[in-house]
PDB file of N, CA and C in Angstrom:
ATOM      1  N   MET A   1      20.517 -22.754   3.937  1.00  0.00           N
ATOM      2  CA  MET A   1      20.026 -24.129   3.033  1.00  0.00           C
ATOM      3  C   MET A   1      18.453 -23.695   2.614  1.00  0.00           C
ATOM      4  N   ASN A   2      18.084 -22.980   2.785  1.00  0.00           N
ATOM      5  CA  ASN A   2      16.637 -23.036   2.278  1.00  0.00           C
ATOM      6  C   ASN A   2      15.724 -22.281   1.016  1.00  0.00           C
ATOM      7  N   ALA A   3      16.914 -21.563   0.824  1.00  0.00           N
ATOM      8  CA  ALA A   3      16.450 -21.024  -0.795  1.00  0.00           C
ATOM      9  C   ALA A   3      17.738 -22.080  -1.370  1.00  0.00           C
ATOM     10  N   PHE A   4      17.806 -23.285  -1.765  1.00  0.00           N
ATOM     11  CA  PHE A   4      18.279 -24.588  -2.012  1.00  0.00           C
ATOM     12  C   PHE A   4      18.640 -25.120  -1.262  1.00  0.00           C
ATOM     13  N   PRO A   5      17.159 -26.127  -1.848  1.00  0.00           N
ATOM     14  CA  PRO A   5      16.851 -27.748  -1.009  1.00  0.00           C
ATOM     15  C   PRO A   5      17.664 -28.125  -1.942  1.00  0.00           C
ATOM     16  N   GLU A   6      17.920 -28.541  -3.184  1.00  0.00           N
ATOM     17  CA  GLU A   6      19.044 -29.779  -3.638  1.00  0.00           C
ATOM     18  C   GLU A   6      20.002 -29.952  -3.716  1.00  0.00           C
ATOM     19  N   ILE A   7      20.767 -28.159  -2.538  1.00  0.00           N
ATOM     20  CA  ILE A   7      21.513 -28.700  -2.767  1.00  0.00           C
ATOM     21  C   ILE A   7      22.140 -30.174  -1.610  1.00  0.00           C
ATOM     22  N   LYS A   8      23.337 -30.346  -1.885  1.00  0.00           N
ATOM     23  CA  LYS A   8      23.655 -31.611  -0.891  1.00  0.00           C
ATOM     24  C   LYS A   8      24.969 -31.581   0.377  1.00  0.00           C
ATOM     25  N   GLU A   9      25.307 -30.782  -0.755  1.00  0.00           N
ATOM     26  CA  GLU A   9      26.875 -30.350   0.087  1.00  0.00           C
ATOM     27  C   GLU A   9      27.958 -29.383  -0.326  1.00  0.00           C
ATOM     28  N   ILE A  10      28.641 -28.276  -0.107  1.00  0.00           N
ATOM     29  CA  ILE A  10      29.231 -27.172  -0.363  1.00  0.00           C
ATOM     30  C   ILE A  10      30.982 -27.793  -0.133  1.00  0.00           C
ATOM     31  N   PHE A  11      31.785 -27.713  -1.138  1.00  0.00           N
ATOM     32  CA  PHE A  11      32.696 -27.791  -1.280  1.00  0.00           C
ATOM     33  C   PHE A  11      32.756 -26.729  -1.107  1.00  0.00           C
ATOM     34  N   PHE A  12      34.385 -26.142  -0.274  1.00  0.00           N
ATOM     35  CA  PHE A  12      35.479 -25.234  -0.327  1.00  0.00           C
ATOM     36  C   PHE A  12      36.431 -24.658  -1.112  1.00  0.00           C
ATOM     37  N   ASP A  13      36.506 -24.800  -2.287  1.00  0.00           N
ATOM     38  CA  ASP A  13      38.100 -25.586  -2.801  1.00  0.00           C
ATOM     39  C   ASP A  13      38.876 -24.028  -2.722  1.00  0.00           C
ATOM     40  N   ASP A  14      39.401 -23.759  -1.474  1.00  0.00           N
ATOM     41  CA  ASP A  14      40.492 -22.725  -0.829  1.00  0.00           C
ATOM     42  C   ASP A  14      41.157 -23.309  -0.878  1.00  0.00           C
ATOM     43  N   ASP A  15      42.547 -23.396  -0.502  1.00  0.00           N
ATOM     44  CA  ASP A  15      43.576 -23.679  -0.711  1.00  0.00           C
ATOM     45  C   ASP A  15      44.127 -23.335   0.796  1.00  0.00           C
ATOM     46  N   THR A  16      43.648 -21.767   1.190  1.00  0.00           N
ATOM     47  CA  THR A  16      43.667 -21.047   2.340  1.00  0.00           C
ATOM     48  C   THR A  16      42.678 -21.284   3.806  1.00  0.00           C
ATOM     49  N   PHE A  17      41.894 -21.956   3.137  1.00  0.00           N
ATOM     50  CA  PHE A  17      40.661 -22.054   3.756  1.00  0.00           C
ATOM     51  C   PHE A  17      40.978 -22.197   5.657  1.00  0.00           C
ATOM     52  N   ASN A  18      42.401 -22.829   5.904  1.00  0.00           N
ATOM     53  CA  ASN A  18      42.345 -22.805   7.672  1.00  0.00           C
ATOM     54  C   ASN A  18      43.458 -22.121   7.841  1.00  0.00           C
ATOM     55  N   TYR A  19      44.279 -21.912   7.075  1.00  0.00           N
ATOM     56  CA  TYR A  19      46.101 -21.165   7.446  1.00  0.00           C
ATOM     57  C   TYR A  19      45.615 -20.167   8.012  1.00  0.00           C
ATOM     58  N   ARG A  20      44.452 -19.742   9.182  1.00  0.00           N
ATOM     59  CA  ARG A  20      44.491 -18.744   9.547  1.00  0.00           C
ATOM     60  C   ARG A  20      42.852 -19.013  11.097  1.00  0.00           C
ATOM     61  N   LYS A  21      44.006 -19.543  12.156  1.00  0.00           N
ATOM     62  CA  LYS A  21      43.007 -20.606  12.843  1.00  0.00           C
ATOM     63  C   LYS A  21      41.826 -19.400  12.781  1.00  0.00           C
ATOM     64  N   ALA A  22      41.224 -18.424  13.507  1.00  0.00           N
ATOM     65  CA  ALA A  22      40.787 -17.499  14.138  1.00  0.00           C
ATOM     66  C   ALA A  22      39.933 -16.913  13.286  1.00  0.00           C
ATOM     67  N   ARG A  23      40.710 -17.042  11.549  1.00  0.00           N
ATOM     68  CA  ARG A  23      39.231 -17.036  10.611  1.00  0.00           C
ATOM     69  C   ARG A  23      38.573 -18.276  10.225  1.00  0.00           C
ATOM     70  N   THR A  24      39.290 -19.499  10.078  1.00  0.00           N
ATOM     71  CA  THR A  24      38.793 -20.787  10.623  1.00  0.00           C
ATOM     72  C   THR A  24      37.328 -20.990  11.844  1.00  0.00           C
ATOM     73  N   LEU A  25      38.123 -20.889  12.838  1.00  0.00           N
ATOM     74  CA  LEU A  25      36.508 -20.810  13.999  1.00  0.00           C
ATOM     75  C   LEU A  25      35.909 -19.876  13.851  1.00  0.00           C
ATOM     76  N   GLU A  26      35.560 -18.624  13.209  1.00  0.00           N
ATOM     77  CA  GLU A  26      34.866 -17.747  12.928  1.00  0.00           C
ATOM     78  C   GLU A  26      33.731 -18.417  11.980  1.00  0.00           C
ATOM     79  N   LEU A  27      34.537 -18.537  11.183  1.00  0.00           N
ATOM     80  CA  LEU A  27      33.845 -18.796  10.040  1.00  0.00           C
ATOM     81  C   LEU A  27      32.452 -20.270  10.356  1.00  0.00           C
ATOM     82  N   CYS A  28      33.791 -21.183  11.107  1.00  0.00           N
ATOM     83  CA  CYS A  28      33.098 -22.268  12.047  1.00  0.00           C
ATOM     84  C   CYS A  28      31.751 -22.211  12.746  1.00  0.00           C
ATOM     85  N   ALA A  29      31.769 -21.135  13.447  1.00  0.00           N
ATOM     86  CA  ALA A  29      30.832 -20.967  14.444  1.00  0.00           C
ATOM     87  C   ALA A  29      29.302 -20.232  12.880  1.00  0.00           C
ATOM     88  N   LYS A  30      29.503 -19.710  12.151  1.00  0.00           N
ATOM     89  CA  LYS A  30      28.541 -18.403  11.639  1.00  0.00           C
ATOM     90  C   LYS A  30      27.881 -20.404  10.494  1.00  0.00           C
ATOM     91  N   LEU A  31      29.405 -21.700  10.065  1.00  0.00           N
ATOM     92  CA  LEU A  31      28.112 -22.043   9.698  1.00  0.00           C
ATOM     93  C   LEU A  31      28.004 -22.668  10.509  1.00  0.00           C
ATOM     94  N   LYS A  32      28.102 -23.806  11.588  1.00  0.00           N
ATOM     95  CA  LYS A  32      27.302 -24.548  12.435  1.00  0.00           C
ATOM     96  C   LYS A  32      26.330 -24.742  12.530  1.00  0.00           C
ATOM     97  N   PRO A  33      25.702 -23.790  12.678  1.00  0.00           N
ATOM     98  CA  PRO A  33      24.282 -23.176  12.789  1.00  0.00           C
ATOM     99  C   PRO A  33      23.393 -23.479  11.721  1.00  0.00           C
ATOM    100  N   LEU A  34      24.026 -23.071  10.429  1.00  0.00           N
ATOM    101  CA  LEU A  34      23.233 -23.286   9.396  1.00  0.00           C
ATOM    102  C   LEU A  34      22.640 -25.137   9.271  1.00  0.00           C
ATOM    103  N   GLN A  35      23.248 -25.794   9.748  1.00  0.00           N
ATOM    104  CA  GLN A  35      23.260 -27.119  10.038  1.00  0.00           C
ATOM    105  C   GLN A  35      23.177 -28.000   8.242  1.00  0.00           C
ATOM    106  N   PHE A  36      24.335 -28.202   7.261  1.00  0.00           N
ATOM    107  CA  PHE A  36      24.662 -29.249   6.131  1.00  0.00           C
ATOM    108  C   PHE A  36      25.956 -28.516   5.801  1.00  0.00           C
ATOM    109  N   THR A  37      26.170 -30.559   5.526  1.00  0.00           N
ATOM    110  CA  THR A  37      27.149 -30.718   5.225  1.00  0.00           C
ATOM    111  C   THR A  37      28.431 -30.146   4.276  1.00  0.00           C
ATOM    112  N   TRP A  38      29.514 -30.064   4.617  1.00  0.00           N
ATOM    113  CA  TRP A  38      30.220 -29.070   3.291  1.00  0.00           C
ATOM    114  C   TRP A  38      31.795 -29.892   3.669  1.00  0.00           C
ATOM    115  N   SER A  39      32.247 -29.685   2.767  1.00  0.00           N
ATOM    116  CA  SER A  39      34.079 -30.352   2.104  1.00  0.00           C
ATOM    117  C   SER A  39      34.743 -28.902   1.918  1.00  0.00           C
ATOM    118  N   CYS A  40      36.509 -29.262   2.449  1.00  0.00           N
ATOM    119  CA  CYS A  40      37.199 -28.131   1.563  1.00  0.00           C
ATOM    120  C   CYS A  40      38.801 -28.433   2.158  1.00  0.00           C
ATOM    121  N   THR A  41      39.375 -28.152   1.176  1.00  0.00           N
ATOM    122  CA  THR A  41      40.935 -28.315   1.403  1.00  0.00           C
ATOM    123  C   THR A  41      40.928 -28.062   2.588  1.00  0.00           C
ATOM    124  N   SER A  42      42.097 -28.587   3.127  1.00  0.00           N
ATOM    125  CA  SER A  42      43.087 -28.521   3.784  1.00  0.00           C
ATOM    126  C   SER A  42      44.277 -28.362   4.348  1.00  0.00           C
ATOM    127  N   ARG A  43      44.904 -27.389   5.342  1.00  0.00           N
ATOM    128  CA  ARG A  43      46.385 -27.832   5.371  1.00  0.00           C
ATOM    129  C   ARG A  43      46.843 -29.370   6.619  1.00  0.00           C
ATOM    130  N   VAL A  44      47.843 -29.906   6.492  1.00  0.00           N
ATOM    131  CA  VAL A  44      48.371 -31.045   7.479  1.00  0.00           C
ATOM    132  C   VAL A  44      48.290 -30.628   8.227  1.00  0.00           C
ATOM    133  N   THR A  45      48.785 -29.715   8.674  1.00  0.00           N
ATOM    134  CA  THR A  45      49.091 -28.485  10.485  1.00  0.00           C
ATOM    135  C   THR A  45      48.434 -28.174  11.528  1.00  0.00           C
ATOM    136  N   THR A  46      47.062 -28.340  10.357  1.00  0.00           N
ATOM    137  CA  THR A  46      45.186 -27.792  11.287  1.00  0.00           C
ATOM    138  C   THR A  46      45.628 -28.420  12.318  1.00  0.00           C
ATOM    139  N   ASP A  47      45.876 -27.746  13.205  1.00  0.00           N
ATOM    140  CA  ASP A  47      45.464 -28.225  15.169  1.00  0.00           C
ATOM    141  C   ASP A  47      44.484 -28.892  15.358  1.00  0.00           C
ATOM    142  N   TYR A  48      43.675 -29.742  16.591  1.00  0.00           N
ATOM    143  CA  TYR A  48      43.067 -30.435  16.938  1.00  0.00           C
ATOM    144  C   TYR A  48      41.621 -29.659  17.612  1.00  0.00           C
ATOM    145  N   GLU A  49      42.440 -28.447  17.673  1.00  0.00           N
ATOM    146  CA  GLU A  49      41.170 -27.801  18.562  1.00  0.00           C
ATOM    147  C   GLU A  49      40.067 -27.237  16.672  1.00  0.00           C
ATOM    148  N   THR A  50      40.868 -26.736  15.661  1.00  0.00           N
ATOM    149  CA  THR A  50      40.302 -25.976  14.540  1.00  0.00           C
ATOM    150  C   THR A  50      39.159 -27.414  14.093  1.00  0.00           C
ATOM    151  N   LEU A  51      40.027 -28.278  14.082  1.00  0.00           N
ATOM    152  CA  LEU A  51      39.600 -29.609  13.597  1.00  0.00           C
ATOM    153  C   LEU A  51      38.074 -30.558  13.978  1.00  0.00           C
ATOM    154  N   LYS A  52      38.399 -30.535  15.307  1.00  0.00           N
ATOM    155  CA  LYS A  52      37.057 -30.445  16.070  1.00  0.00           C
ATOM    156  C   LYS A  52      35.775 -29.043  15.759  1.00  0.00           C
ATOM    157  N   ALA A  53      36.634 -28.234  15.829  1.00  0.00           N
ATOM    158  CA  ALA A  53      35.797 -26.639  15.553  1.00  0.00           C
ATOM    159  C   ALA A  53      34.573 -27.517  13.800  1.00  0.00           C
ATOM    160  N   MET A  54      36.033 -27.701  13.153  1.00  0.00           N
ATOM    161  CA  MET A  54      35.337 -28.049  11.055  1.00  0.00           C
ATOM    162  C   MET A  54      34.268 -28.957  11.603  1.00  0.00           C
ATOM    163  N   LYS A  55      35.081 -30.146  12.449  1.00  0.00           N
ATOM    164  CA  LYS A  55      33.339 -31.360  12.250  1.00  0.00           C
ATOM    165  C   LYS A  55      32.303 -31.144  13.182  1.00  0.00           C
ATOM    166  N   ASP A  56      32.499 -30.026  13.791  1.00  0.00           N
ATOM    167  CA  ASP A  56      31.450 -29.238  14.436  1.00  0.00           C
ATOM    168  C   ASP A  56      30.176 -28.781  13.755  1.00  0.00           C
ATOM    169  N   ALA A  57      30.794 -27.914  12.787  1.00  0.00           N
ATOM    170  CA  ALA A  57      30.721 -26.801  11.632  1.00  0.00           C
ATOM    171  C   ALA A  57      29.704 -27.628  10.519  1.00  0.00           C
ATOM    172  N   GLY A  58      30.288 -28.771  10.378  1.00  0.00           N
ATOM    173  CA  GLY A  58      29.471 -29.847  10.156  1.00  0.00           C
ATOM    174  C   GLY A  58      30.410 -30.597   8.718  1.00  0.00           C
ATOM    175  N   CYS A  59      31.472 -29.884   9.059  1.00  0.00           N
ATOM    176  CA  CYS A  59      32.775 -30.694   8.836  1.00  0.00           C
ATOM    177  C   CYS A  59      32.430 -32.676   8.160  1.00  0.00           C
ATOM    178  N   ARG A  60      32.587 -32.761   6.759  1.00  0.00           N
ATOM    179  CA  ARG A  60      32.622 -34.466   6.343  1.00  0.00           C
ATOM    180  C   ARG A  60      34.192 -34.750   5.935  1.00  0.00           C
ATOM    181  N   LEU A  61      34.656 -33.467   5.283  1.00  0.00           N
ATOM    182  CA  LEU A  61      35.941 -34.347   4.420  1.00  0.00           C
ATOM    183  C   LEU A  61      37.054 -33.731   3.953  1.00  0.00           C
ATOM    184  N   LEU A  62      38.205 -33.635   4.587  1.00  0.00           N
ATOM    185  CA  LEU A  62      39.321 -32.862   3.823  1.00  0.00           C
ATOM    186  C   LEU A  62      39.837 -33.302   2.653  1.00  0.00           C
ATOM    187  N   ILE A  63      40.659 -32.565   2.315  1.00  0.00           N
ATOM    188  CA  ILE A  63      41.662 -32.554   1.027  1.00  0.00           C
ATOM    189  C   ILE A  63      42.502 -32.084   1.424  1.00  0.00           C
ATOM    190  N   VAL A  64      43.520 -33.387   1.993  1.00  0.00           N
ATOM    191  CA  VAL A  64      45.467 -32.185   2.586  1.00  0.00           C
ATOM    192  C   VAL A  64      45.743 -32.384   1.595  1.00  0.00           C
ATOM    193  N   GLY A  65      47.217 -31.630   1.430  1.00  0.00           N
ATOM    194  CA  GLY A  65      47.767 -31.199   0.393  1.00  0.00           C
ATOM    195  C   GLY A  65      49.127 -30.693   1.224  1.00  0.00           C
ATOM    196  N   TYR A  66      50.382 -31.011   1.167  1.00  0.00           N
ATOM    197  CA  TYR A  66      51.536 -31.064   1.321  1.00  0.00           C
ATOM    198  C   TYR A  66      52.115 -30.699  -0.164  1.00  0.00           C
ATOM    199  N   ASP A  67      53.164 -30.100   0.904  1.00  0.00           N
ATOM    200  CA  ASP A  67      54.143 -29.823  -0.628  1.00  0.00           C
ATOM    201  C   ASP A  67      55.919 -30.465   0.219  1.00  0.00           C
ATOM    202  N   ARG A  68      56.149 -31.574  -0.713  1.00  0.00           N
ATOM    203  CA  ARG A  68      57.533 -31.698  -0.640  1.00  0.00           C
ATOM    204  C   ARG A  68      58.514 -30.537  -0.720  1.00  0.00           C
ATOM    205  N   ALA A  69      58.988 -30.523  -0.455  1.00  0.00           N
ATOM    206  CA  ALA A  69      60.839 -29.815  -0.262  1.00  0.00           C
ATOM    207  C   ALA A  69      61.553 -30.635  -1.132  1.00  0.00           C
ATOM    208  N   THR A  70      61.952 -29.727  -1.519  1.00  0.00           N
ATOM    209  CA  THR A  70      62.940 -29.954  -2.758  1.00  0.00           C
ATOM    210  C   THR A  70      64.328 -30.171  -2.309  1.00  0.00           C
ATOM    211  N   ARG A  71      65.617 -31.003  -2.666  1.00  0.00           N
ATOM    212  CA  ARG A  71      67.308 -30.481  -1.828  1.00  0.00           C
ATOM    213  C   ARG A  71      67.947 -30.212  -3.180  1.00  0.00           C
ATOM    214  N   LYS A  72      68.677 -29.438  -2.476  1.00  0.00           N
ATOM    215  CA  LYS A  72      69.296 -29.086  -4.387  1.00  0.00           C
ATOM    216  C   LYS A  72      70.368 -29.321  -3.463  1.00  0.00           C
ATOM    217  N   SER A  73      71.688 -30.206  -4.308  1.00  0.00           N
ATOM    218  CA  SER A  73      72.377 -31.327  -4.234  1.00  0.00           C
ATOM    219  C   SER A  73      74.126 -29.801  -4.429  1.00  0.00           C
TER     220      SER A  73
END
């Protein structure tokens, strides 16, 4: 973040940000040493291990989406 000192936080607007657990954990491992705050969209089914890794990597806020199942009569 030294290249952009005025940036306070990054938001990842990616509705598949934590769809694949392995990818999310790998990304968090790379973000953690950068020590900056970030937020993202998230799936409601995200497990504790992934949420913990995200928090430890600087995640501050999740925008959680859900799909409402529709019933056909």
